[in-house]
Amino acid sequence: MIESLHSPHVARVKALIGSRGVKERRESGFFIAEGLQAVREALTSKGAPFIKSLYLTNSGMLKLSEFDLNEVDLFEVSDAVMAEMTSTVTPQGILALCVLPRPEISDLSTLATKAALRIVYLHEIQDPGNAGTILRTADAMGVDAVVTSPGSVDMYSPKVVRATAGSLWHLRLHESVKMEELLKIIPTATPLLLSSHATTSIFEIPRGKSFISVFGNEARGVDPEKLGISPSDITSVTIPMSGRAESLNLSSAASIVIFTLSQPAAG
């Protein structure tokens, strides 16, 4: 059992979740997943990302008793060590060191011929809670892939991973991809930009076609020209609201758009 707060394991984990975590994650090729839900999905998923090492307290060990853990490096730790390693206030006694996936954006070309393709594109989104919630909604609604732009939040940061509630293991995810690059690979998809200034309702968009749903920065939104494509190549849509609220939280608005586009074509 690891009981020392000065263990190299503790230092390694803290570096991955600390203030310089983004740089550390990219250089080391690892990220941290905390809690029962995330680790359960990682253990049952047949795709990436994979668990390299698993750190469990005695209570954490009991929570995962149904799983065969022989294929991962397993370390039992004290409650004090787990508290030192985690970024949550009340640790569940379960923490995994996972291999950071490095998929090629060209891999999406296998989807290019699919009918009614649905991709979510996050442009310079900064809030980890919004990013994680949108990814979780995309998973629930059967979205084919989530792609982020350069300058977006790190999708493997502890807060984003936690907000996805395990959906990180169910989706194709590509980071730091320019829209023009994405459109070269998926030329059949129409970009849809959620905008409060649009006049076209999301409910007017025909089903059964391929779309890239674009959601912008929480504070600035998205200037179509900053996407690196012609404004004429993107369709701006809005969510009609009959109530008195002036606007919706980004993740709430994205959920409505993703759900609407997931509905089958009429007839």
Protein backbone atom coordinates (compact mmCIF):
# COMPACT_ATOMS: atom_id res chain seq x y z
CA MET A 1 0.00 0.00 0.00
CA ILE A 2 1.18 3.53 -0.80
CA GLU A 3 1.03 5.60 2.39
CA SER A 4 3.61 8.31 1.83
CA LEU A 5 2.41 11.69 0.59
CA HIS A 6 5.85 12.10 -0.98
CA SER A 7 5.54 9.04 -3.20
CA PRO A 8 6.53 9.52 -6.87
CA HIS A 9 3.03 8.31 -7.76
CA VAL A 10 1.52 11.24 -5.85
CA ALA A 11 3.86 13.71 -7.54
CA ARG A 12 3.03 12.32 -10.99
CA VAL A 13 -0.71 12.57 -10.50
CA LYS A 14 -0.53 16.06 -8.98
CA ALA A 15 1.50 17.26 -11.95
CA LEU A 16 -1.23 16.05 -14.33
CA ILE A 17 -4.03 17.85 -12.47
CA GLY A 18 -2.12 20.95 -11.36
CA SER A 19 -1.90 24.45 -12.82
CA ARG A 20 0.52 23.26 -15.52
CA GLY A 21 -1.53 20.17 -16.20
CA VAL A 22 -2.23 20.92 -19.87
CA LYS A 23 1.48 20.96 -20.73
CA GLU A 24 2.15 17.94 -18.53
CA ARG A 25 -0.67 15.91 -20.08
CA ARG A 26 0.44 16.65 -23.62
CA GLU A 27 4.09 15.91 -22.96
CA SER A 28 3.55 12.75 -20.91
CA GLY A 29 0.64 11.34 -22.90
CA PHE A 30 -1.45 10.68 -19.79
CA PHE A 31 -4.47 12.21 -18.05
CA ILE A 32 -6.39 11.56 -14.85
CA ALA A 33 -9.94 10.21 -14.45
CA GLU A 34 -11.48 10.27 -10.98
CA GLY A 35 -14.52 8.54 -9.54
CA LEU A 36 -16.58 5.42 -10.02
CA GLN A 37 -18.54 6.50 -13.12
CA ALA A 38 -15.54 7.49 -15.22
CA VAL A 39 -13.45 4.46 -14.24
CA ARG A 40 -16.34 2.07 -14.76
CA GLU A 41 -16.81 3.35 -18.32
CA ALA A 42 -13.07 3.13 -18.93
CA LEU A 43 -13.00 -0.48 -17.75
CA THR A 44 -16.01 -1.56 -19.84
CA SER A 45 -15.24 0.41 -23.00
CA LYS A 46 -13.54 -1.39 -25.88
CA GLY A 47 -12.11 1.82 -27.27
CA ALA A 48 -9.62 4.46 -26.15
CA PRO A 49 -8.64 6.00 -23.82
CA PHE A 50 -7.16 3.12 -21.85
CA ILE A 51 -6.29 2.84 -18.17
CA LYS A 52 -2.57 2.48 -17.46
CA SER A 53 -2.61 2.57 -13.65
CA LEU A 54 -5.42 2.39 -11.12
CA TYR A 55 -5.18 3.82 -7.61
CA LEU A 56 -7.75 2.57 -5.10
CA THR A 57 -8.42 2.94 -1.40
CA ASN A 58 -9.95 0.01 0.43
CA SER A 59 -13.45 1.42 -0.13
CA GLY A 60 -12.65 2.05 -3.78
CA MET A 61 -11.54 -1.54 -4.16
CA LEU A 62 -14.93 -2.73 -2.91
CA LYS A 63 -16.77 -0.50 -5.38
CA LEU A 64 -14.93 -2.14 -8.28
CA SER A 65 -15.14 -5.71 -6.99
CA GLU A 66 -17.18 -6.82 -10.05
CA PHE A 67 -14.30 -6.05 -12.44
CA ASP A 68 -11.24 -8.07 -13.38
CA LEU A 69 -8.40 -5.64 -12.70
CA ASN A 70 -5.55 -7.92 -13.71
CA GLU A 71 -4.88 -6.03 -16.95
CA VAL A 72 -4.05 -2.72 -15.27
CA ASP A 73 -1.29 -1.68 -12.88
CA LEU A 74 -3.13 -1.67 -9.57
CA PHE A 75 -1.98 0.32 -6.53
CA GLU A 76 -3.74 0.40 -3.19
CA VAL A 77 -3.37 3.75 -1.42
CA SER A 78 -4.33 5.16 1.94
CA ASP A 79 -7.22 7.60 2.29
CA ALA A 80 -4.73 10.39 3.00
CA VAL A 81 -2.79 9.67 -0.18
CA MET A 82 -5.98 9.56 -2.24
CA ALA A 83 -7.05 12.93 -0.81
CA GLU A 84 -3.65 14.34 -1.82
CA MET A 85 -3.93 12.97 -5.36
CA THR A 86 -7.46 14.07 -6.20
CA SER A 87 -8.93 17.44 -7.16
CA THR A 88 -12.36 16.72 -5.65
CA VAL A 89 -13.52 17.73 -2.17
CA THR A 90 -14.89 14.28 -1.33
CA PRO A 91 -12.83 11.61 -3.15
CA GLN A 92 -14.56 8.33 -4.02
CA GLY A 93 -11.37 6.37 -3.48
CA ILE A 94 -10.95 5.65 -7.20
CA LEU A 95 -8.45 7.32 -9.54
CA ALA A 96 -7.08 6.19 -12.89
CA LEU A 97 -4.03 7.20 -14.89
CA CYS A 98 -5.21 6.94 -18.51
CA VAL A 99 -3.41 7.00 -21.84
CA LEU A 100 -4.17 10.19 -23.74
CA PRO A 101 -5.57 9.31 -27.19
CA ARG A 102 -3.94 10.97 -30.17
CA PRO A 103 -6.35 10.28 -33.05
CA GLU A 104 -5.66 11.67 -36.50
CA ILE A 105 -8.33 14.01 -37.85
CA SER A 106 -8.01 12.14 -41.16
CA ASP A 107 -9.66 9.19 -39.39
CA LEU A 108 -12.96 11.06 -39.76
CA SER A 109 -12.84 10.45 -43.51
CA THR A 110 -14.41 7.05 -42.80
CA LEU A 111 -17.61 8.93 -41.88
CA ALA A 112 -17.69 11.12 -44.99
CA THR A 113 -20.13 8.91 -46.89
CA LYS A 114 -22.52 8.40 -43.99
CA ALA A 115 -26.01 9.82 -44.45
CA ALA A 116 -27.27 12.31 -41.85
CA LEU A 117 -23.83 12.70 -40.31
CA ARG A 118 -23.82 14.73 -37.09
CA ILE A 119 -20.68 16.41 -35.79
CA VAL A 120 -20.38 18.92 -32.94
CA TYR A 121 -17.70 21.61 -33.31
CA LEU A 122 -16.69 23.63 -30.24
CA HIS A 123 -15.06 26.93 -31.18
CA GLU A 124 -12.80 28.42 -28.48
CA ILE A 125 -15.04 27.19 -25.66
CA GLN A 126 -13.38 27.85 -22.32
CA ASP A 127 -15.71 26.61 -19.60
CA PRO A 128 -14.93 22.95 -18.68
CA GLY A 129 -18.42 22.38 -17.30
CA ASN A 130 -20.04 23.46 -20.57
CA ALA A 131 -17.58 21.42 -22.62
CA GLY A 132 -18.14 18.27 -20.57
CA THR A 133 -21.92 18.64 -20.54
CA ILE A 134 -22.05 19.16 -24.32
CA LEU A 135 -19.94 16.05 -24.82
CA ARG A 136 -22.27 14.10 -22.54
CA THR A 137 -25.32 15.31 -24.53
CA ALA A 138 -23.59 14.41 -27.80
CA ASP A 139 -23.06 10.90 -26.48
CA ALA A 140 -26.69 10.57 -25.40
CA MET A 141 -27.98 11.75 -28.77
CA GLY A 142 -25.71 9.54 -30.88
CA VAL A 143 -23.50 12.27 -32.34
CA ASP A 144 -20.80 10.84 -34.62
CA ALA A 145 -17.91 12.99 -33.39
CA VAL A 146 -16.99 16.02 -31.29
CA VAL A 147 -14.26 18.32 -32.59
CA THR A 148 -12.71 21.31 -30.82
CA SER A 149 -10.95 24.30 -32.33
CA PRO A 150 -7.50 25.58 -31.42
CA GLY A 151 -7.82 27.69 -28.28
CA SER A 152 -10.57 25.57 -26.72
CA VAL A 153 -10.45 24.08 -23.23
CA ASP A 154 -8.42 20.90 -22.80
CA MET A 155 -10.99 18.11 -23.07
CA TYR A 156 -8.87 15.87 -20.83
CA SER A 157 -8.64 18.29 -17.91
CA PRO A 158 -10.04 16.89 -14.62
CA LYS A 159 -13.09 19.19 -14.66
CA VAL A 160 -14.06 18.30 -18.24
CA VAL A 161 -13.50 14.58 -17.67
CA ARG A 162 -15.68 14.73 -14.56
CA ALA A 163 -18.43 16.69 -16.33
CA THR A 164 -18.66 14.10 -19.11
CA ALA A 165 -19.77 11.47 -16.54
CA GLY A 166 -18.03 8.73 -18.53
CA SER A 167 -19.18 9.81 -22.01
CA LEU A 168 -15.56 10.56 -22.89
CA TRP A 169 -15.19 6.81 -23.54
CA HIS A 170 -18.10 6.62 -25.96
CA LEU A 171 -17.31 9.28 -28.58
CA ARG A 172 -14.84 10.12 -31.30
CA LEU A 173 -13.06 13.22 -30.00
CA HIS A 174 -10.59 15.38 -31.92
CA GLU A 175 -8.91 18.44 -30.45
CA SER A 176 -7.42 21.62 -31.92
CA VAL A 177 -8.76 21.25 -35.47
CA LYS A 178 -9.53 24.23 -37.70
CA MET A 179 -12.97 24.33 -39.32
CA GLU A 180 -11.51 24.60 -42.82
CA GLU A 181 -9.52 21.44 -42.17
CA LEU A 182 -12.61 19.63 -40.92
CA LEU A 183 -14.61 20.64 -43.99
CA LYS A 184 -11.93 19.28 -46.32
CA ILE A 185 -12.41 15.87 -44.70
CA ILE A 186 -16.22 16.08 -44.40
CA PRO A 187 -17.20 18.24 -47.41
CA THR A 188 -20.76 16.91 -47.48
CA ALA A 189 -21.68 18.38 -44.07
CA THR A 190 -23.28 21.81 -43.70
CA PRO A 191 -22.00 23.97 -40.82
CA LEU A 192 -24.78 25.28 -38.57
CA LEU A 193 -23.86 28.17 -36.28
CA LEU A 194 -25.98 28.78 -33.20
CA SER A 195 -26.46 32.55 -33.00
CA SER A 196 -28.89 34.81 -31.13
CA HIS A 197 -28.84 37.15 -34.16
CA ALA A 198 -30.03 34.52 -36.64
CA THR A 199 -33.51 34.60 -38.17
CA THR A 200 -33.73 30.93 -39.11
CA SER A 201 -35.11 28.68 -36.38
CA ILE A 202 -33.33 25.42 -35.61
CA PHE A 203 -36.73 23.78 -36.02
CA GLU A 204 -36.80 24.84 -39.69
CA ILE A 205 -33.65 22.91 -40.55
CA PRO A 206 -34.49 19.79 -42.61
CA ARG A 207 -33.65 16.43 -41.07
CA GLY A 208 -31.83 13.64 -42.85
CA LYS A 209 -28.86 15.77 -43.97
CA SER A 210 -25.31 15.98 -42.63
CA PHE A 211 -24.51 18.87 -40.28
CA ILE A 212 -21.65 20.26 -38.25
CA SER A 213 -23.21 22.07 -35.27
CA VAL A 214 -20.96 24.97 -34.28
CA PHE A 215 -21.05 26.32 -30.73
CA GLY A 216 -18.93 29.33 -29.84
CA ASN A 217 -17.16 30.94 -26.94
CA GLU A 218 -19.40 31.63 -23.94
CA ALA A 219 -18.67 35.36 -23.92
CA ARG A 220 -17.82 36.22 -27.53
CA GLY A 221 -19.80 33.75 -29.57
CA VAL A 222 -18.45 33.05 -33.07
CA ASP A 223 -17.64 35.39 -35.92
CA PRO A 224 -18.13 33.21 -39.05
CA GLU A 225 -15.07 34.81 -40.65
CA LYS A 226 -12.90 33.62 -37.74
CA LEU A 227 -13.80 30.05 -38.66
CA GLY A 228 -11.68 30.49 -41.76
CA ILE A 229 -14.57 29.88 -44.16
CA SER A 230 -16.86 32.11 -46.17
CA PRO A 231 -19.95 33.36 -44.27
CA SER A 232 -22.02 32.10 -47.20
CA ASP A 233 -20.88 28.56 -46.42
CA ILE A 234 -22.44 28.52 -42.96
CA THR A 235 -26.09 28.62 -41.89
CA SER A 236 -26.87 30.59 -38.72
CA VAL A 237 -29.75 29.30 -36.63
CA THR A 238 -31.45 30.41 -33.45
CA ILE A 239 -33.63 28.80 -30.79
CA PRO A 240 -37.03 30.53 -30.64
CA MET A 241 -38.03 31.30 -27.05
CA SER A 242 -41.56 32.17 -25.94
CA GLY A 243 -40.62 32.81 -22.30
CA ARG A 244 -39.06 35.86 -20.66
CA ALA A 245 -35.45 34.65 -20.39
CA GLU A 246 -33.11 36.67 -22.58
CA SER A 247 -30.74 33.82 -23.29
CA LEU A 248 -29.77 30.25 -22.50
CA ASN A 249 -26.62 28.81 -20.97
CA LEU A 250 -24.36 27.49 -23.75
CA SER A 251 -24.67 23.84 -22.75
CA SER A 252 -28.48 24.15 -22.49
CA ALA A 253 -28.73 25.74 -25.92
CA ALA A 254 -26.38 23.16 -27.40
CA SER A 255 -28.49 20.36 -25.90
CA ILE A 256 -31.60 21.68 -27.65
CA VAL A 257 -29.82 21.94 -31.00
CA ILE A 258 -28.22 18.49 -30.71
CA PHE A 259 -31.51 16.88 -29.69
CA THR A 260 -33.44 18.60 -32.49
CA LEU A 261 -30.99 17.47 -35.16
CA SER A 262 -31.04 13.93 -33.78
CA GLN A 263 -34.72 13.50 -34.63
CA PRO A 264 -35.55 11.38 -37.72
CA ALA A 265 -36.73 13.00 -40.90
CA ALA A 266 -40.50 13.29 -41.22
CA GLY A 267 -42.22 10.68 -43.32
